[in-house]
Amino acid sequence: MASLSPPRRAFWGDVRFLVGIVLVALSISGVWLIVSTSDHAIPALQAARTITQGEVLTSDDFQVVDVGLGSLADDYLGPDDLHAGSVAARTLESGELVPESALTDADRSRSTTVVLQSSTGIPEGVKAGTVVEVWQAPPLDEGRSYDVPRILVADVIVHDVLDAEGVLADTGTQLEVVIDRADVADVLAAITGGAALSVVPVGSGS
């Protein structure tokens, strides 16, 4: 009587076993990576409010949070990296981690702030950090009429709306804006010359 040999195990069964081992190994590696990253969290500065370009900064403008930045740790500022006289090189949104490139020394800052009055009120949504264009209509006939409006300064950052309740008032609304120092003379000339100034948000179809 011929003996029956045991049936051979299908090859695909072995493959499934190997795939299962690989998936378990990947899962364990993922958990280890998460734990390892959390263990290497470091303190970093986070903007406590919207900070506009050109602002002189103090520790009150930030809060300290522990984050795992990995290889990017050197690109962001910690609580010991904020020095007296630092200013914002660009606008920082509230809650944003502070990269090293977002701060500069006051001596290197090319911007300053100027207060101007918009004769047409402020469009809805304009607030600190909004990028706007400043338009001017030069006076004619000793101020009895005005010339065709034209752009005075483009890509200006609003630092503060000083009279948010006066949007519909005839006197307009005052804003403090951040401008390049090279544009200060033109802006002051328009203000002292009696030009009618208007603010238009960038991208509003002006």
C-alpha atoms as a PDB file:
ATOM      1  CA  MET A   1       0.000   0.000   0.000  1.00  0.00           C
ATOM      2  CA  ALA A   2       1.438   3.291  -1.113  1.00  0.00           C
ATOM      3  CA  SER A   3       1.929   5.870   1.612  1.00  0.00           C
ATOM      4  CA  LEU A   4       0.349   9.289   1.186  1.00  0.00           C
ATOM      5  CA  SER A   5       2.732  12.235   1.582  1.00  0.00           C
ATOM      6  CA  PRO A   6       1.357  15.220   3.586  1.00  0.00           C
ATOM      7  CA  PRO A   7       0.040  18.018   1.405  1.00  0.00           C
ATOM      8  CA  ARG A   8       2.504  20.850   0.860  1.00  0.00           C
ATOM      9  CA  ARG A   9       1.563  24.219   2.337  1.00  0.00           C
ATOM     10  CA  ALA A  10       0.562  26.772  -0.253  1.00  0.00           C
ATOM     11  CA  PHE A  11       3.238  29.375  -0.998  1.00  0.00           C
ATOM     12  CA  TRP A  12       0.792  32.288  -0.613  1.00  0.00           C
ATOM     13  CA  GLY A  13       0.229  31.301   3.019  1.00  0.00           C
ATOM     14  CA  ASP A  14       3.915  31.846   3.788  1.00  0.00           C
ATOM     15  CA  VAL A  15       3.825  35.214   2.015  1.00  0.00           C
ATOM     16  CA  ARG A  16       0.902  36.387   4.153  1.00  0.00           C
ATOM     17  CA  PHE A  17       2.829  35.386   7.263  1.00  0.00           C
ATOM     18  CA  LEU A  18       5.854  37.407   6.146  1.00  0.00           C
ATOM     19  CA  VAL A  19       3.709  40.416   5.233  1.00  0.00           C
ATOM     20  CA  GLY A  20       2.126  40.270   8.695  1.00  0.00           C
ATOM     21  CA  ILE A  21       5.536  40.361  10.328  1.00  0.00           C
ATOM     22  CA  VAL A  22       6.539  43.369   8.223  1.00  0.00           C
ATOM     23  CA  LEU A  23       3.345  45.256   9.142  1.00  0.00           C
ATOM     24  CA  VAL A  24       3.876  44.602  12.837  1.00  0.00           C
ATOM     25  CA  ALA A  25       7.465  45.828  12.577  1.00  0.00           C
ATOM     26  CA  LEU A  26       6.343  49.006  10.802  1.00  0.00           C
ATOM     27  CA  SER A  27       3.697  49.639  13.461  1.00  0.00           C
ATOM     28  CA  ILE A  28       6.245  49.283  16.255  1.00  0.00           C
ATOM     29  CA  SER A  29       8.648  51.606  14.415  1.00  0.00           C
ATOM     30  CA  GLY A  30       5.914  54.227  13.997  1.00  0.00           C
ATOM     31  CA  VAL A  31       5.069  54.174  17.697  1.00  0.00           C
ATOM     32  CA  TRP A  32       8.756  54.458  18.588  1.00  0.00           C
ATOM     33  CA  LEU A  33       9.160  57.426  16.254  1.00  0.00           C
ATOM     34  CA  ILE A  34       6.195  59.262  17.825  1.00  0.00           C
ATOM     35  CA  VAL A  35       7.483  58.631  21.342  1.00  0.00           C
ATOM     36  CA  SER A  36      11.007  59.621  20.350  1.00  0.00           C
ATOM     37  CA  THR A  37       9.772  62.894  18.797  1.00  0.00           C
ATOM     38  CA  SER A  38       7.693  63.808  21.833  1.00  0.00           C
ATOM     39  CA  ASP A  39      10.673  63.154  24.096  1.00  0.00           C
ATOM     40  CA  HIS A  40      12.715  65.698  22.108  1.00  0.00           C
ATOM     41  CA  ALA A  41      10.215  68.566  22.331  1.00  0.00           C
ATOM     42  CA  ILE A  42      11.925  71.904  22.937  1.00  0.00           C
ATOM     43  CA  PRO A  43      10.596  75.296  24.097  1.00  0.00           C
ATOM     44  CA  ALA A  44       9.846  77.670  21.213  1.00  0.00           C
ATOM     45  CA  LEU A  45       8.387  81.150  20.892  1.00  0.00           C
ATOM     46  CA  GLN A  46       4.813  81.468  19.623  1.00  0.00           C
ATOM     47  CA  ALA A  47       3.155  84.776  18.708  1.00  0.00           C
ATOM     48  CA  ALA A  48       0.536  85.631  21.336  1.00  0.00           C
ATOM     49  CA  ARG A  49      -1.216  88.023  18.930  1.00  0.00           C
ATOM     50  CA  THR A  50      -0.914  89.301  15.380  1.00  0.00           C
ATOM     51  CA  ILE A  51       2.407  91.149  15.158  1.00  0.00           C
ATOM     52  CA  THR A  52       2.919  93.499  12.237  1.00  0.00           C
ATOM     53  CA  GLN A  53       6.129  94.193  10.408  1.00  0.00           C
ATOM     54  CA  GLY A  54       8.293  96.854  12.053  1.00  0.00           C
ATOM     55  CA  GLU A  55       6.990  96.394  15.607  1.00  0.00           C
ATOM     56  CA  VAL A  56       9.522  96.553  18.416  1.00  0.00           C
ATOM     57  CA  LEU A  57       9.160  93.277  20.264  1.00  0.00           C
ATOM     58  CA  THR A  58       9.181  92.274  23.920  1.00  0.00           C
ATOM     59  CA  SER A  59       8.631  88.995  25.739  1.00  0.00           C
ATOM     60  CA  ASP A  60       4.979  89.994  26.334  1.00  0.00           C
ATOM     61  CA  ASP A  61       4.326  89.531  22.605  1.00  0.00           C
ATOM     62  CA  PHE A  62       5.035  85.794  22.824  1.00  0.00           C
ATOM     63  CA  GLN A  63       4.243  82.671  24.744  1.00  0.00           C
ATOM     64  CA  VAL A  64       6.485  79.640  25.158  1.00  0.00           C
ATOM     65  CA  VAL A  65       5.289  76.246  23.888  1.00  0.00           C
ATOM     66  CA  ASP A  66       6.993  72.848  23.795  1.00  0.00           C
ATOM     67  CA  VAL A  67       7.121  71.439  20.264  1.00  0.00           C
ATOM     68  CA  GLY A  68       9.011  68.695  18.475  1.00  0.00           C
ATOM     69  CA  LEU A  69      10.744  70.449  15.580  1.00  0.00           C
ATOM     70  CA  GLY A  70      13.294  67.760  14.806  1.00  0.00           C
ATOM     71  CA  SER A  71      15.886  68.934  12.292  1.00  0.00           C
ATOM     72  CA  LEU A  72      14.138  72.332  12.053  1.00  0.00           C
ATOM     73  CA  ALA A  73      14.873  73.238  15.681  1.00  0.00           C
ATOM     74  CA  ASP A  74      17.686  75.625  14.728  1.00  0.00           C
ATOM     75  CA  ASP A  75      15.365  77.575  12.392  1.00  0.00           C
ATOM     76  CA  TYR A  76      12.988  78.691  15.165  1.00  0.00           C
ATOM     77  CA  LEU A  77      13.513  80.944  18.166  1.00  0.00           C
ATOM     78  CA  GLY A  78      13.442  79.844  21.777  1.00  0.00           C
ATOM     79  CA  PRO A  79      12.809  82.020  24.849  1.00  0.00           C
ATOM     80  CA  ASP A  80      16.527  82.834  25.174  1.00  0.00           C
ATOM     81  CA  ASP A  81      16.832  84.018  21.569  1.00  0.00           C
ATOM     82  CA  LEU A  82      14.771  87.210  21.919  1.00  0.00           C
ATOM     83  CA  HIS A  83      17.061  90.217  22.342  1.00  0.00           C
ATOM     84  CA  ALA A  84      16.316  93.822  23.260  1.00  0.00           C
ATOM     85  CA  GLY A  85      15.727  95.995  20.218  1.00  0.00           C
ATOM     86  CA  SER A  86      14.424  93.191  18.014  1.00  0.00           C
ATOM     87  CA  VAL A  87      11.722  94.138  15.524  1.00  0.00           C
ATOM     88  CA  ALA A  88       9.438  92.056  13.333  1.00  0.00           C
ATOM     89  CA  ALA A  89      10.858  91.659   9.844  1.00  0.00           C
ATOM     90  CA  ARG A  90       7.431  90.513   8.599  1.00  0.00           C
ATOM     91  CA  THR A  91       3.918  90.053   9.916  1.00  0.00           C
ATOM     92  CA  LEU A  92       3.461  87.139  12.319  1.00  0.00           C
ATOM     93  CA  GLU A  93      -0.014  85.691  12.715  1.00  0.00           C
ATOM     94  CA  SER A  94      -1.369  84.908  16.176  1.00  0.00           C
ATOM     95  CA  GLY A  95      -0.330  81.394  17.177  1.00  0.00           C
ATOM     96  CA  GLU A  96       2.507  81.187  14.648  1.00  0.00           C
ATOM     97  CA  LEU A  97       5.850  79.755  15.734  1.00  0.00           C
ATOM     98  CA  VAL A  98       8.584  82.356  15.294  1.00  0.00           C
ATOM     99  CA  PRO A  99      11.267  81.530  12.721  1.00  0.00           C
ATOM    100  CA  GLU A 100      14.651  83.172  13.047  1.00  0.00           C
ATOM    101  CA  SER A 101      14.126  84.998   9.749  1.00  0.00           C
ATOM    102  CA  ALA A 102      11.027  86.814  11.105  1.00  0.00           C
ATOM    103  CA  LEU A 103      13.055  89.053  13.461  1.00  0.00           C
ATOM    104  CA  THR A 104      15.712  91.639  12.773  1.00  0.00           C
ATOM    105  CA  ASP A 105      17.570  94.400  14.609  1.00  0.00           C
ATOM    106  CA  ALA A 106      16.034  97.863  14.797  1.00  0.00           C
ATOM    107  CA  ASP A 107      19.083  99.330  13.034  1.00  0.00           C
ATOM    108  CA  ARG A 108      18.478  97.053  10.047  1.00  0.00           C
ATOM    109  CA  SER A 109      14.748  97.673   9.779  1.00  0.00           C
ATOM    110  CA  ARG A 110      13.776  99.595   6.651  1.00  0.00           C
ATOM    111  CA  SER A 111      10.206 100.246   7.753  1.00  0.00           C
ATOM    112  CA  THR A 112       8.435 102.704  10.017  1.00  0.00           C
ATOM    113  CA  THR A 113       4.839 103.597  10.870  1.00  0.00           C
ATOM    114  CA  VAL A 114       2.769 106.578   9.741  1.00  0.00           C
ATOM    115  CA  VAL A 115      -0.747 107.594  10.788  1.00  0.00           C
ATOM    116  CA  LEU A 116      -3.033 108.604   7.941  1.00  0.00           C
ATOM    117  CA  GLN A 117      -6.734 109.320   7.561  1.00  0.00           C
ATOM    118  CA  SER A 118      -8.839 107.564   4.981  1.00  0.00           C
ATOM    119  CA  SER A 119     -11.394 109.931   3.487  1.00  0.00           C
ATOM    120  CA  THR A 120     -13.620 107.076   2.324  1.00  0.00           C
ATOM    121  CA  GLY A 121     -13.711 104.972   5.471  1.00  0.00           C
ATOM    122  CA  ILE A 122     -12.218 101.545   5.934  1.00  0.00           C
ATOM    123  CA  PRO A 123     -13.431  98.487   4.000  1.00  0.00           C
ATOM    124  CA  GLU A 124     -14.825  95.669   6.114  1.00  0.00           C
ATOM    125  CA  GLY A 125     -12.214  93.146   7.166  1.00  0.00           C
ATOM    126  CA  VAL A 126      -9.298  95.563   7.253  1.00  0.00           C
ATOM    127  CA  LYS A 127      -7.433  95.019  10.527  1.00  0.00           C
ATOM    128  CA  ALA A 128      -3.912  94.707  11.902  1.00  0.00           C
ATOM    129  CA  GLY A 129      -1.843  92.671   9.478  1.00  0.00           C
ATOM    130  CA  THR A 130      -3.996  93.377   6.398  1.00  0.00           C
ATOM    131  CA  VAL A 131      -2.030  94.300   3.277  1.00  0.00           C
ATOM    132  CA  VAL A 132      -3.499  97.345   1.527  1.00  0.00           C
ATOM    133  CA  GLU A 133      -2.813  99.956  -1.134  1.00  0.00           C
ATOM    134  CA  VAL A 134      -2.921 103.639  -0.231  1.00  0.00           C
ATOM    135  CA  TRP A 135      -4.493 105.797  -2.965  1.00  0.00           C
ATOM    136  CA  GLN A 136      -4.355 109.556  -3.197  1.00  0.00           C
ATOM    137  CA  ALA A 137      -6.452 112.147  -5.033  1.00  0.00           C
ATOM    138  CA  PRO A 138      -4.401 115.385  -5.131  1.00  0.00           C
ATOM    139  CA  PRO A 139      -6.382 118.600  -4.484  1.00  0.00           C
ATOM    140  CA  LEU A 140      -7.357 120.959  -7.315  1.00  0.00           C
ATOM    141  CA  ASP A 141      -8.652 124.551  -7.255  1.00  0.00           C
ATOM    142  CA  GLU A 142      -7.264 125.132  -3.753  1.00  0.00           C
ATOM    143  CA  GLY A 143      -9.003 122.088  -2.401  1.00  0.00           C
ATOM    144  CA  ARG A 144     -12.427 122.665  -3.960  1.00  0.00           C
ATOM    145  CA  SER A 145     -12.075 119.509  -6.051  1.00  0.00           C
ATOM    146  CA  TYR A 146      -9.714 116.591  -6.457  1.00  0.00           C
ATOM    147  CA  ASP A 147      -7.697 115.038  -9.246  1.00  0.00           C
ATOM    148  CA  VAL A 148      -8.126 111.464 -10.472  1.00  0.00           C
ATOM    149  CA  PRO A 149      -7.106 108.984  -7.711  1.00  0.00           C
ATOM    150  CA  ARG A 150      -3.825 107.160  -8.158  1.00  0.00           C
ATOM    151  CA  ILE A 151      -1.791 104.696  -6.095  1.00  0.00           C
ATOM    152  CA  LEU A 152       0.464 106.443  -3.599  1.00  0.00           C
ATOM    153  CA  VAL A 153       2.012 103.364  -1.942  1.00  0.00           C
ATOM    154  CA  ALA A 154       1.405  99.691  -2.715  1.00  0.00           C
ATOM    155  CA  ASP A 155       1.664  96.689  -0.373  1.00  0.00           C
ATOM    156  CA  VAL A 156       1.308  98.596   2.891  1.00  0.00           C
ATOM    157  CA  ILE A 157       0.654  96.679   6.120  1.00  0.00           C
ATOM    158  CA  VAL A 158      -1.985  97.943   8.543  1.00  0.00           C
ATOM    159  CA  HIS A 159      -0.531  98.182  12.050  1.00  0.00           C
ATOM    160  CA  ASP A 160      -3.693  99.408  13.774  1.00  0.00           C
ATOM    161  CA  VAL A 161      -7.147 100.830  13.021  1.00  0.00           C
ATOM    162  CA  LEU A 162      -7.377 103.806  15.373  1.00  0.00           C
ATOM    163  CA  ASP A 163     -11.042 104.701  14.910  1.00  0.00           C
ATOM    164  CA  ALA A 164     -12.967 101.532  14.176  1.00  0.00           C
ATOM    165  CA  GLU A 165     -16.273 103.224  15.068  1.00  0.00           C
ATOM    166  CA  GLY A 166     -15.920 105.989  12.497  1.00  0.00           C
ATOM    167  CA  VAL A 167     -16.190 103.989   9.292  1.00  0.00           C
ATOM    168  CA  LEU A 168     -19.206 105.932   8.063  1.00  0.00           C
ATOM    169  CA  ALA A 169     -18.161 109.281   9.463  1.00  0.00           C
ATOM    170  CA  ASP A 170     -17.445 112.124   7.061  1.00  0.00           C
ATOM    171  CA  THR A 171     -14.062 112.658   8.655  1.00  0.00           C
ATOM    172  CA  GLY A 172     -12.975 109.162   7.715  1.00  0.00           C
ATOM    173  CA  THR A 173     -10.997 106.723   9.809  1.00  0.00           C
ATOM    174  CA  GLN A 174      -7.400 106.886  10.975  1.00  0.00           C
ATOM    175  CA  LEU A 175      -4.997 104.034  10.485  1.00  0.00           C
ATOM    176  CA  GLU A 176      -1.427 103.427  11.525  1.00  0.00           C
ATOM    177  CA  VAL A 177       0.354 101.733   8.639  1.00  0.00           C
ATOM    178  CA  VAL A 178       3.798 100.227   8.178  1.00  0.00           C
ATOM    179  CA  ILE A 179       5.658 101.648   5.177  1.00  0.00           C
ATOM    180  CA  ASP A 180       9.148 101.511   3.758  1.00  0.00           C
ATOM    181  CA  ARG A 181      11.290 104.447   4.874  1.00  0.00           C
ATOM    182  CA  ALA A 182      11.872 105.291   1.214  1.00  0.00           C
ATOM    183  CA  ASP A 183       8.127 106.077   0.861  1.00  0.00           C
ATOM    184  CA  VAL A 184       7.829 108.295   3.947  1.00  0.00           C
ATOM    185  CA  ALA A 185       8.515 111.568   2.096  1.00  0.00           C
ATOM    186  CA  ASP A 186       5.815 110.919  -0.531  1.00  0.00           C
ATOM    187  CA  VAL A 187       3.239 109.924   2.077  1.00  0.00           C
ATOM    188  CA  LEU A 188       3.910 112.947   4.280  1.00  0.00           C
ATOM    189  CA  ALA A 189       3.806 115.243   1.234  1.00  0.00           C
ATOM    190  CA  ALA A 190       0.386 113.859   0.285  1.00  0.00           C
ATOM    191  CA  ILE A 191      -0.905 114.318   3.855  1.00  0.00           C
ATOM    192  CA  THR A 192       0.374 117.869   4.288  1.00  0.00           C
ATOM    193  CA  GLY A 193      -0.690 118.766   0.739  1.00  0.00           C
ATOM    194  CA  GLY A 194      -4.329 117.986   1.488  1.00  0.00           C
ATOM    195  CA  ALA A 195      -4.711 114.961  -0.766  1.00  0.00           C
ATOM    196  CA  ALA A 196      -7.746 112.754  -0.187  1.00  0.00           C
ATOM    197  CA  LEU A 197      -6.395 109.367   0.872  1.00  0.00           C
ATOM    198  CA  SER A 198      -8.151 106.021   0.517  1.00  0.00           C
ATOM    199  CA  VAL A 199      -7.229 102.503   1.585  1.00  0.00           C
ATOM    200  CA  VAL A 200      -7.935  99.533  -0.667  1.00  0.00           C
ATOM    201  CA  PRO A 201      -7.204  95.929   0.406  1.00  0.00           C
ATOM    202  CA  VAL A 202      -4.811  94.167  -1.954  1.00  0.00           C
ATOM    203  CA  GLY A 203      -6.673  91.718  -4.147  1.00  0.00           C
ATOM    204  CA  SER A 204     -10.011  93.519  -3.868  1.00  0.00           C
ATOM    205  CA  GLY A 205     -10.098  94.338  -7.552  1.00  0.00           C
ATOM    206  CA  SER A 206      -8.824  97.891  -7.314  1.00  0.00           C
END
